[in-house]
Amino acid sequence: MEKHIIITGSSTVSWKDAIVQTVAEAAKTLDYITGIKIIEQRAKVSGKKLIEYYVDIDLSFTVDRDRD
């Protein structure tokens, strides 16, 4: 069985960094991550610069039915 959750992450560096950091943070509490799908990317703007990058991710993971 595979389960999906939607999570939001951010970075002040880039969208790629936001994705990597979000998956790394999710992996601290979720086992058996099998894939991700990027749902949306957006950014906060200050003046003429992007200052924060946001991503919404559909994260898939396998459910361990034998886990206590």
N, C-alpha and C. Protein backbone atom coordinates (compact mmCIF):
# COMPACT_ATOMS: atom_id res chain seq x y z
N MET A 1 0.85 -1.16 0.00
CA MET A 1 0.00 0.00 0.00
C MET A 1 0.90 1.24 0.00
N GLU A 2 0.50 2.22 -0.78
CA GLU A 2 1.24 3.48 -0.83
C GLU A 2 0.33 4.60 -0.34
N LYS A 3 0.91 5.52 0.39
CA LYS A 3 0.15 6.64 0.93
C LYS A 3 0.76 7.93 0.38
N HIS A 4 -0.07 8.97 0.28
CA HIS A 4 0.38 10.27 -0.20
C HIS A 4 0.04 11.34 0.84
N ILE A 5 0.97 12.27 1.00
CA ILE A 5 0.67 13.46 1.80
C ILE A 5 1.16 14.67 1.02
N ILE A 6 0.53 15.78 1.25
CA ILE A 6 0.96 17.03 0.61
C ILE A 6 1.63 17.88 1.68
N ILE A 7 2.86 18.29 1.39
CA ILE A 7 3.61 19.10 2.33
C ILE A 7 4.13 20.34 1.62
N THR A 8 4.35 21.40 2.40
CA THR A 8 4.88 22.65 1.88
C THR A 8 6.22 22.93 2.53
N GLY A 9 7.17 23.34 1.72
CA GLY A 9 8.50 23.69 2.23
C GLY A 9 8.97 25.00 1.64
N SER A 10 10.06 25.51 2.19
CA SER A 10 10.58 26.79 1.70
C SER A 10 12.09 26.84 1.81
N SER A 11 12.66 27.81 1.10
CA SER A 11 14.10 28.06 1.11
C SER A 11 14.34 29.50 0.72
N THR A 12 15.42 30.06 1.19
CA THR A 12 15.81 31.40 0.76
C THR A 12 16.83 31.32 -0.38
N VAL A 13 17.16 30.09 -0.82
CA VAL A 13 18.18 29.89 -1.86
C VAL A 13 17.56 29.68 -3.24
N SER A 14 16.67 28.67 -3.38
CA SER A 14 16.10 28.34 -4.69
C SER A 14 14.93 27.37 -4.51
N TRP A 15 14.18 27.15 -5.60
CA TRP A 15 13.12 26.15 -5.56
C TRP A 15 13.72 24.76 -5.37
N LYS A 16 14.83 24.49 -6.06
CA LYS A 16 15.48 23.19 -5.92
C LYS A 16 15.87 22.95 -4.47
N ASP A 17 16.44 23.94 -3.83
CA ASP A 17 16.83 23.80 -2.43
C ASP A 17 15.60 23.59 -1.55
N ALA A 18 14.52 24.26 -1.85
CA ALA A 18 13.28 24.08 -1.09
C ALA A 18 12.80 22.63 -1.20
N ILE A 19 12.89 22.05 -2.39
CA ILE A 19 12.48 20.66 -2.59
C ILE A 19 13.38 19.72 -1.80
N VAL A 20 14.68 19.90 -1.96
CA VAL A 20 15.64 19.02 -1.27
C VAL A 20 15.48 19.11 0.25
N GLN A 21 15.35 20.31 0.78
CA GLN A 21 15.21 20.50 2.22
C GLN A 21 13.89 19.93 2.74
N THR A 22 12.84 20.08 1.97
CA THR A 22 11.53 19.57 2.38
C THR A 22 11.52 18.05 2.44
N VAL A 23 12.10 17.41 1.44
CA VAL A 23 12.16 15.94 1.43
C VAL A 23 13.06 15.45 2.57
N ALA A 24 14.18 16.13 2.80
CA ALA A 24 15.08 15.74 3.89
C ALA A 24 14.40 15.85 5.24
N GLU A 25 13.63 16.90 5.42
CA GLU A 25 12.91 17.09 6.69
C GLU A 25 11.82 16.03 6.86
N ALA A 26 11.10 15.74 5.79
CA ALA A 26 10.05 14.71 5.85
C ALA A 26 10.65 13.34 6.16
N ALA A 27 11.83 13.07 5.62
CA ALA A 27 12.48 11.77 5.82
C ALA A 27 12.87 11.54 7.27
N LYS A 28 12.91 12.58 8.08
CA LYS A 28 13.23 12.42 9.50
C LYS A 28 12.11 11.69 10.24
N THR A 29 10.89 11.81 9.75
CA THR A 29 9.76 11.19 10.44
C THR A 29 8.97 10.20 9.58
N LEU A 30 9.26 10.12 8.29
CA LEU A 30 8.58 9.18 7.40
C LEU A 30 9.58 8.19 6.83
N ASP A 31 9.26 6.91 6.93
CA ASP A 31 10.10 5.87 6.34
C ASP A 31 9.55 5.50 4.96
N TYR A 32 10.39 4.90 4.17
CA TYR A 32 9.99 4.30 2.88
C TYR A 32 9.44 5.29 1.88
N ILE A 33 10.02 6.48 1.80
CA ILE A 33 9.61 7.47 0.78
C ILE A 33 9.94 6.89 -0.59
N THR A 34 8.97 6.91 -1.49
CA THR A 34 9.15 6.31 -2.82
C THR A 34 9.16 7.32 -3.96
N GLY A 35 8.65 8.52 -3.73
CA GLY A 35 8.65 9.50 -4.81
C GLY A 35 7.99 10.80 -4.40
N ILE A 36 8.18 11.80 -5.25
CA ILE A 36 7.54 13.09 -5.03
C ILE A 36 7.00 13.62 -6.35
N LYS A 37 6.01 14.48 -6.24
CA LYS A 37 5.47 15.21 -7.38
C LYS A 37 5.37 16.66 -6.96
N ILE A 38 5.93 17.54 -7.75
CA ILE A 38 5.86 18.97 -7.44
C ILE A 38 4.49 19.47 -7.90
N ILE A 39 3.71 19.95 -6.95
CA ILE A 39 2.37 20.44 -7.27
C ILE A 39 2.40 21.91 -7.66
N GLU A 40 3.14 22.70 -6.88
CA GLU A 40 3.16 24.15 -7.13
C GLU A 40 4.47 24.74 -6.62
N GLN A 41 4.92 25.76 -7.32
CA GLN A 41 6.07 26.56 -6.89
C GLN A 41 5.64 28.02 -6.87
N ARG A 42 6.06 28.73 -5.85
CA ARG A 42 5.77 30.16 -5.78
C ARG A 42 6.89 30.83 -5.00
N ALA A 43 6.91 32.15 -5.01
CA ALA A 43 7.99 32.87 -4.35
C ALA A 43 7.48 34.17 -3.73
N LYS A 44 8.20 34.60 -2.73
CA LYS A 44 7.95 35.90 -2.10
C LYS A 44 8.91 36.90 -2.74
N VAL A 45 8.40 38.07 -3.06
CA VAL A 45 9.18 39.09 -3.75
C VAL A 45 9.34 40.31 -2.85
N SER A 46 10.54 40.85 -2.84
CA SER A 46 10.81 42.11 -2.14
C SER A 46 11.56 43.01 -3.11
N GLY A 47 10.96 44.15 -3.41
CA GLY A 47 11.57 45.00 -4.44
C GLY A 47 11.50 44.28 -5.77
N LYS A 48 12.67 44.05 -6.36
CA LYS A 48 12.73 43.33 -7.64
C LYS A 48 13.38 41.96 -7.49
N LYS A 49 13.49 41.46 -6.25
CA LYS A 49 14.19 40.21 -6.01
C LYS A 49 13.29 39.16 -5.37
N LEU A 50 13.52 37.93 -5.74
CA LEU A 50 12.88 36.80 -5.07
C LEU A 50 13.64 36.57 -3.77
N ILE A 51 12.92 36.55 -2.66
CA ILE A 51 13.61 36.41 -1.38
C ILE A 51 13.29 35.10 -0.66
N GLU A 52 12.20 34.44 -1.05
CA GLU A 52 11.89 33.14 -0.46
C GLU A 52 11.12 32.31 -1.47
N TYR A 53 11.50 31.04 -1.56
CA TYR A 53 10.92 30.11 -2.53
C TYR A 53 10.08 29.08 -1.78
N TYR A 54 8.89 28.80 -2.30
CA TYR A 54 7.97 27.85 -1.66
C TYR A 54 7.61 26.74 -2.65
N VAL A 55 7.47 25.53 -2.14
CA VAL A 55 7.03 24.40 -2.96
C VAL A 55 5.96 23.60 -2.21
N ASP A 56 4.97 23.16 -2.95
CA ASP A 56 4.00 22.20 -2.44
C ASP A 56 4.32 20.87 -3.11
N ILE A 57 4.52 19.84 -2.30
CA ILE A 57 4.96 18.54 -2.80
C ILE A 57 3.95 17.46 -2.41
N ASP A 58 3.62 16.61 -3.36
CA ASP A 58 2.85 15.39 -3.08
C ASP A 58 3.91 14.31 -2.85
N LEU A 59 4.05 13.88 -1.60
CA LEU A 59 5.08 12.92 -1.23
C LEU A 59 4.45 11.54 -1.07
N SER A 60 5.03 10.52 -1.72
CA SER A 60 4.52 9.15 -1.66
C SER A 60 5.44 8.31 -0.79
N PHE A 61 4.82 7.43 -0.01
CA PHE A 61 5.62 6.50 0.78
C PHE A 61 4.85 5.20 0.98
N THR A 62 5.60 4.13 1.15
CA THR A 62 5.02 2.82 1.37
C THR A 62 4.68 2.64 2.83
N VAL A 63 3.51 2.08 3.09
CA VAL A 63 3.07 1.80 4.46
C VAL A 63 3.60 0.43 4.88
N ASP A 64 4.27 0.39 6.00
CA ASP A 64 4.80 -0.86 6.55
C ASP A 64 3.74 -1.48 7.46
N ARG A 65 3.02 -2.45 6.97
CA ARG A 65 1.94 -3.07 7.74
C ARG A 65 2.45 -3.92 8.90
N ASP A 66 3.72 -4.31 8.87
CA ASP A 66 4.30 -5.14 9.93
C ASP A 66 4.89 -4.33 11.06
N ARG A 67 4.86 -3.04 10.93
CA ARG A 67 5.45 -2.15 11.95
C ARG A 67 4.56 -2.11 13.19
N ASP A 68 5.19 -2.14 14.34
CA ASP A 68 4.44 -2.06 15.61
C ASP A 68 4.06 -0.65 15.96
